[in-house]
C-alpha atoms as a PDB file:
ATOM      1  CA  MET A   1       8.043 -19.735   8.376  1.00  0.00           C
ATOM      2  CA  ALA A   2       6.303 -16.658   6.840  1.00  0.00           C
ATOM      3  CA  GLN A   3       2.925 -15.570   8.130  1.00  0.00           C
ATOM      4  CA  PRO A   4      -0.105 -15.241   5.795  1.00  0.00           C
ATOM      5  CA  HIS A   5      -1.264 -12.334   4.651  1.00  0.00           C
ATOM      6  CA  LEU A   6      -4.843 -11.273   4.312  1.00  0.00           C
ATOM      7  CA  VAL A   7      -6.171  -9.259   1.436  1.00  0.00           C
ATOM      8  CA  VAL A   8      -8.382  -6.518   3.119  1.00  0.00           C
ATOM      9  CA  ASN A   9      -9.030  -4.540   0.005  1.00  0.00           C
ATOM     10  CA  GLY A  10      -8.550  -6.079  -3.556  1.00  0.00           C
ATOM     11  CA  GLY A  11     -10.875  -6.985  -6.671  1.00  0.00           C
ATOM     12  CA  SER A  12     -12.545  -5.007  -9.625  1.00  0.00           C
ATOM     13  CA  ASP A  13     -15.999  -4.546  -7.601  1.00  0.00           C
ATOM     14  CA  PHE A  14     -16.731  -2.176  -5.064  1.00  0.00           C
ATOM     15  CA  SER A  15     -18.161  -4.961  -2.903  1.00  0.00           C
ATOM     16  CA  THR A  16     -14.453  -6.080  -2.514  1.00  0.00           C
ATOM     17  CA  ASN A  17     -12.315  -2.890  -3.200  1.00  0.00           C
ATOM     18  CA  ALA A  18     -12.698   0.305  -1.521  1.00  0.00           C
ATOM     19  CA  HIS A  19     -10.210   1.905  -3.650  1.00  0.00           C
ATOM     20  CA  PHE A  20     -12.396   1.208  -6.672  1.00  0.00           C
ATOM     21  CA  PHE A  21     -14.538   4.251  -6.207  1.00  0.00           C
ATOM     22  CA  THR A  22     -11.686   6.262  -7.490  1.00  0.00           C
ATOM     23  CA  LEU A  23     -12.679   5.539 -10.883  1.00  0.00           C
ATOM     24  CA  ASP A  24     -15.795   7.262 -10.881  1.00  0.00           C
ATOM     25  CA  ALA A  25     -15.241  10.236 -13.270  1.00  0.00           C
ATOM     26  CA  SER A  26     -18.254  12.101 -12.246  1.00  0.00           C
ATOM     27  CA  GLU A  27     -15.871  13.199  -8.968  1.00  0.00           C
ATOM     28  CA  PRO A  28     -13.207  15.554  -9.891  1.00  0.00           C
ATOM     29  CA  ARG A  29     -11.686  15.152  -6.661  1.00  0.00           C
ATOM     30  CA  LEU A  30     -11.004  11.298  -7.458  1.00  0.00           C
ATOM     31  CA  ARG A  31      -8.729  12.054 -10.667  1.00  0.00           C
ATOM     32  CA  ASP A  32      -5.568  12.718  -8.615  1.00  0.00           C
ATOM     33  CA  TRP A  33      -6.192   9.429  -6.829  1.00  0.00           C
ATOM     34  CA  ARG A  34      -7.533   7.121  -9.755  1.00  0.00           C
ATOM     35  CA  GLY A  35      -4.190   4.928  -9.973  1.00  0.00           C
ATOM     36  CA  GLN A  36      -5.138   3.190  -7.014  1.00  0.00           C
ATOM     37  CA  SER A  37      -8.027   1.933  -8.151  1.00  0.00           C
ATOM     38  CA  TYR A  38      -6.827  -1.875  -8.353  1.00  0.00           C
ATOM     39  CA  GLY A  39      -5.091  -1.413  -5.241  1.00  0.00           C
ATOM     40  CA  VAL A  40      -4.711  -4.243  -2.595  1.00  0.00           C
ATOM     41  CA  ASP A  41      -4.396  -3.713   0.906  1.00  0.00           C
ATOM     42  CA  LEU A  42      -2.613  -6.329   2.955  1.00  0.00           C
ATOM     43  CA  VAL A  43      -2.362  -7.229   6.303  1.00  0.00           C
ATOM     44  CA  GLN A  44      -0.232  -9.937   8.403  1.00  0.00           C
ATOM     45  CA  ILE A  45      -2.773 -12.911  10.268  1.00  0.00           C
ATOM     46  CA  ASP A  46      -1.687 -15.515  12.875  1.00  0.00           C
ATOM     47  CA  GLY A  47      -2.620 -19.204  12.315  1.00  0.00           C
ATOM     48  CA  LEU A  48      -6.225 -18.409  13.893  1.00  0.00           C
ATOM     49  CA  GLY A  49      -7.040 -15.544  11.334  1.00  0.00           C
ATOM     50  CA  LEU A  50      -5.845 -12.534  13.945  1.00  0.00           C
ATOM     51  CA  ARG A  51      -4.261  -9.721  12.610  1.00  0.00           C
ATOM     52  CA  ALA A  52      -3.468  -8.080  16.144  1.00  0.00           C
ATOM     53  CA  LYS A  53      -2.736  -8.662  20.127  1.00  0.00           C
ATOM     54  CA  GLY A  54      -6.450  -7.654  21.224  1.00  0.00           C
ATOM     55  CA  LEU A  55      -9.545  -6.064  19.660  1.00  0.00           C
ATOM     56  CA  GLN A  56      -8.590  -3.064  17.536  1.00  0.00           C
ATOM     57  CA  PRO A  57      -6.076  -1.976  19.681  1.00  0.00           C
ATOM     58  CA  ALA A  58      -4.913   1.821  19.397  1.00  0.00           C
ATOM     59  CA  ASP A  59      -1.207   1.307  19.359  1.00  0.00           C
ATOM     60  CA  PRO A  60      -0.175   0.531  15.736  1.00  0.00           C
ATOM     61  CA  ARG A  61       2.416  -1.546  16.947  1.00  0.00           C
ATOM     62  CA  ALA A  62      -0.113  -4.155  18.289  1.00  0.00           C
ATOM     63  CA  TYR A  63      -0.732  -5.430  14.702  1.00  0.00           C
ATOM     64  CA  ARG A  64       1.285  -8.099  13.087  1.00  0.00           C
ATOM     65  CA  ILE A  65       1.920  -6.316   9.977  1.00  0.00           C
ATOM     66  CA  TYR A  66       3.533  -3.509  11.753  1.00  0.00           C
ATOM     67  CA  ASP A  67       7.518  -3.012  10.850  1.00  0.00           C
ATOM     68  CA  ALA A  68       7.414  -5.765   8.494  1.00  0.00           C
ATOM     69  CA  HIS A  69       9.903  -5.195   5.687  1.00  0.00           C
ATOM     70  CA  VAL A  70       8.668  -4.055   2.544  1.00  0.00           C
ATOM     71  CA  LEU A  71      10.817  -5.162  -0.519  1.00  0.00           C
ATOM     72  CA  ALA A  72      10.807  -3.840  -3.799  1.00  0.00           C
ATOM     73  CA  PRO A  73       8.626  -6.113  -6.149  1.00  0.00           C
ATOM     74  CA  CYS A  74      10.317  -4.883  -9.424  1.00  0.00           C
ATOM     75  CA  ALA A  75      13.628  -3.296 -10.435  1.00  0.00           C
ATOM     76  CA  GLY A  76      12.976   0.332 -11.311  1.00  0.00           C
ATOM     77  CA  ARG A  77      13.927   3.830 -10.130  1.00  0.00           C
ATOM     78  CA  VAL A  78      12.366   5.550  -7.218  1.00  0.00           C
ATOM     79  CA  VAL A  79       9.757   8.360  -8.579  1.00  0.00           C
ATOM     80  CA  LEU A  80       8.486   9.433  -5.356  1.00  0.00           C
ATOM     81  CA  ALA A  81       9.930   8.828  -1.538  1.00  0.00           C
ATOM     82  CA  VAL A  82       7.985  10.079   1.616  1.00  0.00           C
ATOM     83  CA  ASP A  83       9.013   9.916   4.554  1.00  0.00           C
ATOM     84  CA  GLY A  84       8.495  11.568   8.424  1.00  0.00           C
ATOM     85  CA  LEU A  85       4.943  11.558   8.491  1.00  0.00           C
ATOM     86  CA  PRO A  86       3.760  10.116  11.997  1.00  0.00           C
ATOM     87  CA  ASP A  87       1.967   6.697  12.164  1.00  0.00           C
ATOM     88  CA  MET A  88      -1.814   7.254  13.545  1.00  0.00           C
ATOM     89  CA  GLN A  89      -3.274   5.757  16.656  1.00  0.00           C
ATOM     90  CA  VAL A  90      -5.863   3.347  15.510  1.00  0.00           C
ATOM     91  CA  PRO A  91      -8.495   4.467  14.338  1.00  0.00           C
ATOM     92  CA  GLU A  92      -7.213   7.806  13.212  1.00  0.00           C
ATOM     93  CA  MET A  93      -6.802   8.581   9.820  1.00  0.00           C
ATOM     94  CA  ASP A  94      -4.730  11.536   8.081  1.00  0.00           C
ATOM     95  CA  ARG A  95      -6.806  12.397   5.038  1.00  0.00           C
ATOM     96  CA  ALA A  96      -4.231  15.348   4.244  1.00  0.00           C
ATOM     97  CA  HIS A  97      -1.872  12.687   3.282  1.00  0.00           C
ATOM     98  CA  MET A  98      -3.611   9.972   1.773  1.00  0.00           C
ATOM     99  CA  ALA A  99      -0.735   7.462   1.116  1.00  0.00           C
ATOM    100  CA  GLY A 100       0.989   8.359   4.107  1.00  0.00           C
ATOM    101  CA  ASN A 101       4.890   7.829   4.089  1.00  0.00           C
ATOM    102  CA  HIS A 102       5.192   5.749   0.827  1.00  0.00           C
ATOM    103  CA  VAL A 103       7.570   4.727  -2.057  1.00  0.00           C
ATOM    104  CA  MET A 104       6.632   4.716  -5.853  1.00  0.00           C
ATOM    105  CA  LEU A 105       8.956   2.917  -8.127  1.00  0.00           C
ATOM    106  CA  ARG A 106       9.226   3.309 -11.993  1.00  0.00           C
ATOM    107  CA  CYS A 107       9.413  -0.498 -13.461  1.00  0.00           C
ATOM    108  CA  GLU A 108       9.684  -1.670 -16.731  1.00  0.00           C
ATOM    109  CA  GLN A 109       5.704  -1.866 -17.176  1.00  0.00           C
ATOM    110  CA  ALA A 110       4.136   0.274 -14.454  1.00  0.00           C
ATOM    111  CA  ASP A 111       4.633   2.744 -11.489  1.00  0.00           C
ATOM    112  CA  VAL A 112       4.083   0.878  -8.324  1.00  0.00           C
ATOM    113  CA  LEU A 113       3.307   2.338  -5.049  1.00  0.00           C
ATOM    114  CA  LEU A 114       4.042   0.790  -1.793  1.00  0.00           C
ATOM    115  CA  GLY A 115       2.260   2.948   1.086  1.00  0.00           C
ATOM    116  CA  HIS A 116       1.599   3.683   4.504  1.00  0.00           C
ATOM    117  CA  LEU A 117       4.889   3.018   5.729  1.00  0.00           C
ATOM    118  CA  SER A 118       6.506   3.872   9.430  1.00  0.00           C
ATOM    119  CA  PRO A 119       7.797   7.234   9.997  1.00  0.00           C
ATOM    120  CA  GLY A 120      11.704   7.354   9.843  1.00  0.00           C
ATOM    121  CA  SER A 121      12.057   3.683   7.902  1.00  0.00           C
ATOM    122  CA  VAL A 122      12.071   4.809   4.314  1.00  0.00           C
ATOM    123  CA  ARG A 123      15.481   3.972   3.096  1.00  0.00           C
ATOM    124  CA  VAL A 124      15.491   5.092  -0.344  1.00  0.00           C
ATOM    125  CA  ARG A 125      15.688   8.798  -2.441  1.00  0.00           C
ATOM    126  CA  VAL A 126      14.013   9.753  -5.174  1.00  0.00           C
ATOM    127  CA  GLY A 127      16.348   8.920  -8.383  1.00  0.00           C
ATOM    128  CA  ASP A 128      17.794   5.849  -6.806  1.00  0.00           C
ATOM    129  CA  ALA A 129      18.101   2.707  -9.120  1.00  0.00           C
ATOM    130  CA  ILE A 130      16.629  -0.071  -7.210  1.00  0.00           C
ATOM    131  CA  ALA A 131      16.961  -4.180  -7.695  1.00  0.00           C
ATOM    132  CA  ALA A 132      13.691  -6.131  -7.038  1.00  0.00           C
ATOM    133  CA  GLY A 133      14.257  -7.462  -3.473  1.00  0.00           C
ATOM    134  CA  VAL A 134      15.655  -4.466  -1.814  1.00  0.00           C
ATOM    135  CA  TRP A 135      14.122  -3.339   1.262  1.00  0.00           C
ATOM    136  CA  LEU A 136      12.667   0.173   0.711  1.00  0.00           C
ATOM    137  CA  GLY A 137      10.986   0.482   4.485  1.00  0.00           C
ATOM    138  CA  SER A 138       8.417  -0.886   6.840  1.00  0.00           C
ATOM    139  CA  VAL A 139       4.833  -1.236   7.361  1.00  0.00           C
ATOM    140  CA  GLY A 140       3.525   1.541   9.802  1.00  0.00           C
ATOM    141  CA  ASN A 141       0.381   3.427  10.070  1.00  0.00           C
ATOM    142  CA  SER A 142       0.881   6.530   8.371  1.00  0.00           C
ATOM    143  CA  GLY A 143      -2.013   8.395   6.094  1.00  0.00           C
ATOM    144  CA  ASN A 144      -5.484   7.325   5.343  1.00  0.00           C
ATOM    145  CA  THR A 145      -5.558   4.084   7.093  1.00  0.00           C
ATOM    146  CA  GLY A 146      -7.626   2.867  10.077  1.00  0.00           C
ATOM    147  CA  GLU A 147      -4.851   0.516  10.751  1.00  0.00           C
ATOM    148  CA  PRO A 148      -1.644  -0.916   9.861  1.00  0.00           C
ATOM    149  CA  HIS A 149      -1.450  -2.579   6.467  1.00  0.00           C
ATOM    150  CA  LEU A 150       0.784  -2.697   3.745  1.00  0.00           C
ATOM    151  CA  HIS A 151      -0.982  -0.797   0.391  1.00  0.00           C
ATOM    152  CA  VAL A 152       0.322  -1.874  -3.075  1.00  0.00           C
ATOM    153  CA  HIS A 153      -1.025  -0.530  -6.526  1.00  0.00           C
ATOM    154  CA  ALA A 154       0.170  -0.233 -10.036  1.00  0.00           C
ATOM    155  CA  GLN A 155      -0.583   2.625 -12.521  1.00  0.00           C
ATOM    156  CA  ARG A 156       0.727   4.019 -15.626  1.00  0.00           C
ATOM    157  CA  PRO A 157       2.752   7.446 -14.546  1.00  0.00           C
ATOM    158  CA  GLY A 158       0.269  10.289 -13.527  1.00  0.00           C
ATOM    159  CA  PRO A 159       0.147  13.516 -14.809  1.00  0.00           C
ATOM    160  CA  VAL A 160       2.386  16.454 -13.531  1.00  0.00           C
ATOM    161  CA  GLY A 161       1.251  17.450  -9.903  1.00  0.00           C
ATOM    162  CA  ALA A 162      -1.052  14.439  -9.426  1.00  0.00           C
ATOM    163  CA  PRO A 163       1.540  11.244  -9.231  1.00  0.00           C
ATOM    164  CA  LEU A 164      -1.081   8.969  -7.880  1.00  0.00           C
ATOM    165  CA  GLY A 165      -3.526   9.764 -10.745  1.00  0.00           C
ATOM    166  CA  GLY A 166      -2.134   7.503 -13.815  1.00  0.00           C
ATOM    167  CA  ASP A 167      -4.378   5.110 -15.238  1.00  0.00           C
ATOM    168  CA  PRO A 168      -4.768   2.043 -12.798  1.00  0.00           C
ATOM    169  CA  LEU A 169      -3.415  -1.534 -13.763  1.00  0.00           C
ATOM    170  CA  PRO A 170      -4.344  -4.726 -11.778  1.00  0.00           C
ATOM    171  CA  ILE A 171      -1.818  -6.986 -10.160  1.00  0.00           C
ATOM    172  CA  LEU A 172      -0.871 -10.334  -9.499  1.00  0.00           C
ATOM    173  CA  LEU A 173       0.234 -11.668  -5.924  1.00  0.00           C
ATOM    174  CA  ASP A 174       1.316 -15.170  -5.928  1.00  0.00           C
ATOM    175  CA  GLY A 175       0.267 -15.403  -9.388  1.00  0.00           C
ATOM    176  CA  ARG A 176      -3.177 -14.196  -9.170  1.00  0.00           C
ATOM    177  CA  PHE A 177      -5.412 -11.413  -9.106  1.00  0.00           C
ATOM    178  CA  PRO A 178      -5.724 -10.653  -5.317  1.00  0.00           C
ATOM    179  CA  VAL A 179      -9.522 -10.234  -4.078  1.00  0.00           C
ATOM    180  CA  ARG A 180     -10.532  -9.250  -0.690  1.00  0.00           C
ATOM    181  CA  GLY A 181     -10.637 -12.448   1.397  1.00  0.00           C
ATOM    182  CA  ASP A 182      -7.796 -14.324  -0.256  1.00  0.00           C
ATOM    183  CA  ARG A 183      -4.985 -15.699   1.958  1.00  0.00           C
ATOM    184  CA  ILE A 184      -1.306 -15.403   0.322  1.00  0.00           C
ATOM    185  CA  GLY A 185       1.832 -15.870   1.405  1.00  0.00           C
ATOM    186  CA  SER A 186       4.789 -12.926   1.955  1.00  0.00           C
ATOM    187  CA  PRO A 187       4.110 -10.740  -1.335  1.00  0.00           C
END
């Protein structure tokens, strides 16, 4: 039986989704990241709602979601594939590589980014045609993340030089728009 996942960022409001601030047009530095504005961050929890072994352990491998397989949510072509960035110790963050190791698929209706993957786990290359359900990589703690989680967002294609700067699109998980605090099955 799959463990449930908890939405730790999601929704269309600042109070439930930390990514939503990237829609602030008065901040030019945020334009390159606006595609993630409806982004969803997921952690895996056990039956008691705990996401790690211990209270905020520094080792990312102590988190339940760490090393979980990330599967393609749609058929498409790989337009970005970044690998080789290190996992960060909790709560350190790598602000120079915001999405960390990640894969972006160009699907029929949107570009979909899956981020914060573990180093050496990305199994696809730019240009690969991917079927839905293909194993893309594994959850890690790379990039701008305080603890291991899977970041997912959908967007229109971004401009040249800012691939995560496309118009953001809301996504559905388990048939619903995920909001912070929701529990869902395996996405």
